[in-house]
Amino acid sequence: MNRADVIPSLVLSGYALGRIAAQDAGNDAPAAQWRVLSLLEQAGARRVGELAHAARTTQPGMTRLLGALEREELVRRSPDPDDSRATVVDITSRGTAALASWRAEFRETLAPRFAALTDAEWSALTRAAEILAAHTATDRTGESR
């Protein structure tokens, strides 16, 4: 594979891996739900607009998703202490537990697909994951660092 094809291949493989894990686990929750909960877990409370920007969706779409997450008690909305016109969203302990359960479920579901990897292949995947994590980290506004 040439260098120009690596990044698109990683992106498409990541999407495919997520779909496979969801299908194999029978998890019908939208991927956006887990992305939002992950963002909140990593960066703490955020405004609705910041979450929408970080998740690459519209503010009305994010508001709808947050309504569903709030009904399930996975997130809580509260007034922004710095601007009473704005709303801040934070993950709840129930949301943190659901996210941990989802991650464990996907690890267990995908483990058989990777069982035959050699130590060298695991090292390569580990290093790739570290590089991707470093280059996809976001700050509190959703902008790349």
C-alpha atoms as a PDB file:
ATOM      1  CA  MET A   1       0.000   0.000   0.000  1.00  0.00           C
ATOM      2  CA  ASN A   2       1.408   3.384  -0.897  1.00  0.00           C
ATOM      3  CA  ARG A   3       1.522   6.305   1.532  1.00  0.00           C
ATOM      4  CA  ALA A   4      -1.352   8.188  -0.128  1.00  0.00           C
ATOM      5  CA  ASP A   5      -3.701   5.240   0.474  1.00  0.00           C
ATOM      6  CA  VAL A   6      -2.876   4.638   4.145  1.00  0.00           C
ATOM      7  CA  ILE A   7      -5.047   7.332   5.780  1.00  0.00           C
ATOM      8  CA  PRO A   8      -8.184   6.620   3.705  1.00  0.00           C
ATOM      9  CA  SER A   9      -7.685   2.902   4.346  1.00  0.00           C
ATOM     10  CA  LEU A  10      -7.423   3.479   8.107  1.00  0.00           C
ATOM     11  CA  VAL A  11     -10.575   5.615   8.116  1.00  0.00           C
ATOM     12  CA  LEU A  12     -12.614   3.134   6.095  1.00  0.00           C
ATOM     13  CA  SER A  13     -11.290   0.188   8.096  1.00  0.00           C
ATOM     14  CA  GLY A  14     -12.194   1.963  11.329  1.00  0.00           C
ATOM     15  CA  TYR A  15     -15.749   2.560  10.139  1.00  0.00           C
ATOM     16  CA  ALA A  16     -16.037  -1.045   8.965  1.00  0.00           C
ATOM     17  CA  LEU A  17     -14.672  -2.367  12.255  1.00  0.00           C
ATOM     18  CA  GLY A  18     -17.227  -0.300  14.179  1.00  0.00           C
ATOM     19  CA  ARG A  19     -20.088  -1.590  12.008  1.00  0.00           C
ATOM     20  CA  ILE A  20     -18.901  -5.191  12.310  1.00  0.00           C
ATOM     21  CA  ALA A  21     -18.614  -4.914  16.087  1.00  0.00           C
ATOM     22  CA  ALA A  22     -22.080  -3.366  16.394  1.00  0.00           C
ATOM     23  CA  GLN A  23     -23.632  -6.025  14.160  1.00  0.00           C
ATOM     24  CA  ASP A  24     -21.848  -8.932  15.829  1.00  0.00           C
ATOM     25  CA  ALA A  25     -22.746  -7.636  19.293  1.00  0.00           C
ATOM     26  CA  GLY A  26     -26.334  -6.881  18.299  1.00  0.00           C
ATOM     27  CA  ASN A  27     -25.821  -3.314  19.528  1.00  0.00           C
ATOM     28  CA  ASP A  28     -28.312  -1.063  17.753  1.00  0.00           C
ATOM     29  CA  ALA A  29     -27.403   2.182  19.546  1.00  0.00           C
ATOM     30  CA  PRO A  30     -26.270   4.859  17.090  1.00  0.00           C
ATOM     31  CA  ALA A  31     -22.514   5.313  16.760  1.00  0.00           C
ATOM     32  CA  ALA A  32     -23.041   9.041  17.380  1.00  0.00           C
ATOM     33  CA  GLN A  33     -24.231   8.204  20.895  1.00  0.00           C
ATOM     34  CA  TRP A  34     -20.930   6.566  21.770  1.00  0.00           C
ATOM     35  CA  ARG A  35     -18.937   9.352  20.100  1.00  0.00           C
ATOM     36  CA  VAL A  36     -20.707  12.014  22.178  1.00  0.00           C
ATOM     37  CA  LEU A  37     -20.323  10.063  25.406  1.00  0.00           C
ATOM     38  CA  SER A  38     -16.626   9.530  24.615  1.00  0.00           C
ATOM     39  CA  LEU A  39     -16.138  13.243  23.934  1.00  0.00           C
ATOM     40  CA  LEU A  40     -17.784  14.146  27.230  1.00  0.00           C
ATOM     41  CA  GLU A  41     -15.790  11.542  29.138  1.00  0.00           C
ATOM     42  CA  GLN A  42     -12.493  12.745  27.635  1.00  0.00           C
ATOM     43  CA  ALA A  43     -12.979  16.508  27.749  1.00  0.00           C
ATOM     44  CA  GLY A  44     -15.660  17.096  30.358  1.00  0.00           C
ATOM     45  CA  ALA A  45     -18.794  19.192  30.089  1.00  0.00           C
ATOM     46  CA  ARG A  46     -19.341  21.031  26.816  1.00  0.00           C
ATOM     47  CA  ARG A  47     -21.833  23.353  25.236  1.00  0.00           C
ATOM     48  CA  VAL A  48     -24.275  21.844  22.753  1.00  0.00           C
ATOM     49  CA  GLY A  49     -22.697  23.770  19.858  1.00  0.00           C
ATOM     50  CA  GLU A  50     -19.211  22.536  20.776  1.00  0.00           C
ATOM     51  CA  LEU A  51     -20.452  18.951  20.835  1.00  0.00           C
ATOM     52  CA  ALA A  52     -22.162  19.388  17.473  1.00  0.00           C
ATOM     53  CA  HIS A  53     -18.973  20.802  15.974  1.00  0.00           C
ATOM     54  CA  ALA A  54     -16.791  18.047  17.459  1.00  0.00           C
ATOM     55  CA  ALA A  55     -19.201  15.343  16.254  1.00  0.00           C
ATOM     56  CA  ARG A  56     -19.546  16.994  12.822  1.00  0.00           C
ATOM     57  CA  THR A  57     -23.302  17.346  13.011  1.00  0.00           C
ATOM     58  CA  THR A  58     -25.797  20.192  13.173  1.00  0.00           C
ATOM     59  CA  GLN A  59     -26.800  21.798  16.426  1.00  0.00           C
ATOM     60  CA  PRO A  60     -30.457  20.714  15.969  1.00  0.00           C
ATOM     61  CA  GLY A  61     -29.291  17.139  15.282  1.00  0.00           C
ATOM     62  CA  MET A  62     -27.115  17.209  18.395  1.00  0.00           C
ATOM     63  CA  THR A  63     -30.003  18.605  20.432  1.00  0.00           C
ATOM     64  CA  ARG A  64     -32.189  15.664  19.328  1.00  0.00           C
ATOM     65  CA  LEU A  65     -29.473  13.138  20.179  1.00  0.00           C
ATOM     66  CA  LEU A  66     -28.887  14.755  23.565  1.00  0.00           C
ATOM     67  CA  GLY A  67     -32.619  14.594  24.287  1.00  0.00           C
ATOM     68  CA  ALA A  68     -32.528  10.828  23.779  1.00  0.00           C
ATOM     69  CA  LEU A  69     -29.368  10.486  25.889  1.00  0.00           C
ATOM     70  CA  GLU A  70     -30.892  12.622  28.625  1.00  0.00           C
ATOM     71  CA  ARG A  71     -34.066  10.496  28.690  1.00  0.00           C
ATOM     72  CA  GLU A  72     -31.832   7.454  29.218  1.00  0.00           C
ATOM     73  CA  GLU A  73     -30.013   9.412  31.970  1.00  0.00           C
ATOM     74  CA  LEU A  74     -26.685   9.081  30.148  1.00  0.00           C
ATOM     75  CA  VAL A  75     -26.106  12.847  30.060  1.00  0.00           C
ATOM     76  CA  ARG A  76     -27.358  15.846  32.004  1.00  0.00           C
ATOM     77  CA  ARG A  77     -27.922  19.348  30.710  1.00  0.00           C
ATOM     78  CA  SER A  78     -27.528  22.431  32.854  1.00  0.00           C
ATOM     79  CA  PRO A  79     -27.195  26.186  32.345  1.00  0.00           C
ATOM     80  CA  ASP A  80     -23.718  27.355  31.365  1.00  0.00           C
ATOM     81  CA  PRO A  81     -22.290  29.184  34.403  1.00  0.00           C
ATOM     82  CA  ASP A  82     -20.501  31.605  32.046  1.00  0.00           C
ATOM     83  CA  ASP A  83     -23.527  32.343  29.825  1.00  0.00           C
ATOM     84  CA  SER A  84     -27.056  31.714  31.092  1.00  0.00           C
ATOM     85  CA  ARG A  85     -28.363  31.623  27.503  1.00  0.00           C
ATOM     86  CA  ALA A  86     -26.306  28.514  26.753  1.00  0.00           C
ATOM     87  CA  THR A  87     -26.599  24.913  27.917  1.00  0.00           C
ATOM     88  CA  VAL A  88     -23.758  22.711  29.074  1.00  0.00           C
ATOM     89  CA  VAL A  89     -23.917  18.931  28.734  1.00  0.00           C
ATOM     90  CA  ASP A  90     -22.025  16.470  30.904  1.00  0.00           C
ATOM     91  CA  ILE A  91     -21.877  12.690  31.082  1.00  0.00           C
ATOM     92  CA  THR A  92     -23.571  11.064  34.077  1.00  0.00           C
ATOM     93  CA  SER A  93     -22.257   8.137  36.077  1.00  0.00           C
ATOM     94  CA  ARG A  94     -24.804   6.015  34.224  1.00  0.00           C
ATOM     95  CA  GLY A  95     -23.398   7.318  30.923  1.00  0.00           C
ATOM     96  CA  THR A  96     -19.852   6.502  32.018  1.00  0.00           C
ATOM     97  CA  ALA A  97     -20.935   2.983  32.973  1.00  0.00           C
ATOM     98  CA  ALA A  98     -22.777   2.512  29.655  1.00  0.00           C
ATOM     99  CA  LEU A  99     -19.691   3.667  27.746  1.00  0.00           C
ATOM    100  CA  ALA A 100     -17.438   1.272  29.680  1.00  0.00           C
ATOM    101  CA  SER A 101     -19.889  -1.567  29.032  1.00  0.00           C
ATOM    102  CA  TRP A 102     -20.018  -0.734  25.306  1.00  0.00           C
ATOM    103  CA  ARG A 103     -16.216  -0.739  25.087  1.00  0.00           C
ATOM    104  CA  ALA A 104     -16.008  -4.089  26.887  1.00  0.00           C
ATOM    105  CA  GLU A 105     -18.726  -5.542  24.652  1.00  0.00           C
ATOM    106  CA  PHE A 106     -16.883  -4.460  21.509  1.00  0.00           C
ATOM    107  CA  ARG A 107     -13.550  -5.769  22.821  1.00  0.00           C
ATOM    108  CA  GLU A 108     -15.107  -9.171  23.510  1.00  0.00           C
ATOM    109  CA  THR A 109     -16.981  -9.213  20.201  1.00  0.00           C
ATOM    110  CA  LEU A 110     -13.924  -8.332  18.128  1.00  0.00           C
ATOM    111  CA  ALA A 111     -11.346 -10.407  20.034  1.00  0.00           C
ATOM    112  CA  PRO A 112     -11.844 -13.563  17.927  1.00  0.00           C
ATOM    113  CA  ARG A 113     -11.091 -11.606  14.741  1.00  0.00           C
ATOM    114  CA  PHE A 114      -7.662 -10.698  16.124  1.00  0.00           C
ATOM    115  CA  ALA A 115      -6.824 -13.886  18.020  1.00  0.00           C
ATOM    116  CA  ALA A 116      -4.279 -15.126  15.480  1.00  0.00           C
ATOM    117  CA  LEU A 117      -2.195 -11.944  15.385  1.00  0.00           C
ATOM    118  CA  THR A 118       1.495 -12.310  16.168  1.00  0.00           C
ATOM    119  CA  ASP A 119       3.251 -10.233  18.815  1.00  0.00           C
ATOM    120  CA  ALA A 120       4.768  -8.135  16.021  1.00  0.00           C
ATOM    121  CA  GLU A 121       1.328  -7.481  14.533  1.00  0.00           C
ATOM    122  CA  TRP A 122      -0.031  -6.515  17.978  1.00  0.00           C
ATOM    123  CA  SER A 123       2.918  -4.147  18.387  1.00  0.00           C
ATOM    124  CA  ALA A 124       2.164  -2.572  15.012  1.00  0.00           C
ATOM    125  CA  LEU A 125      -1.537  -2.149  15.892  1.00  0.00           C
ATOM    126  CA  THR A 126      -0.666  -0.743  19.308  1.00  0.00           C
ATOM    127  CA  ARG A 127       1.693   1.806  17.776  1.00  0.00           C
ATOM    128  CA  ALA A 128      -0.879   2.733  15.112  1.00  0.00           C
ATOM    129  CA  ALA A 129      -3.525   3.227  17.817  1.00  0.00           C
ATOM    130  CA  GLU A 130      -1.141   5.454  19.791  1.00  0.00           C
ATOM    131  CA  ILE A 131      -0.363   7.545  16.709  1.00  0.00           C
ATOM    132  CA  LEU A 132      -4.037   7.870  15.786  1.00  0.00           C
ATOM    133  CA  ALA A 133      -4.974   8.837  19.350  1.00  0.00           C
ATOM    134  CA  ALA A 134      -2.280  11.512  19.408  1.00  0.00           C
ATOM    135  CA  HIS A 135      -3.367  12.973  16.076  1.00  0.00           C
ATOM    136  CA  THR A 136      -7.089  12.887  16.701  1.00  0.00           C
ATOM    137  CA  ALA A 137      -7.119  14.359  20.224  1.00  0.00           C
ATOM    138  CA  THR A 138      -9.465  17.304  20.565  1.00  0.00           C
ATOM    139  CA  ASP A 139      -9.490  20.257  22.890  1.00  0.00           C
ATOM    140  CA  ARG A 140     -12.604  21.577  24.625  1.00  0.00           C
ATOM    141  CA  THR A 141     -13.934  23.228  21.427  1.00  0.00           C
ATOM    142  CA  GLY A 142     -13.498  20.151  19.271  1.00  0.00           C
ATOM    143  CA  GLU A 143     -10.524  21.604  17.406  1.00  0.00           C
ATOM    144  CA  SER A 144      -7.563  19.349  16.694  1.00  0.00           C
ATOM    145  CA  ARG A 145      -4.513  19.884  18.825  1.00  0.00           C
END
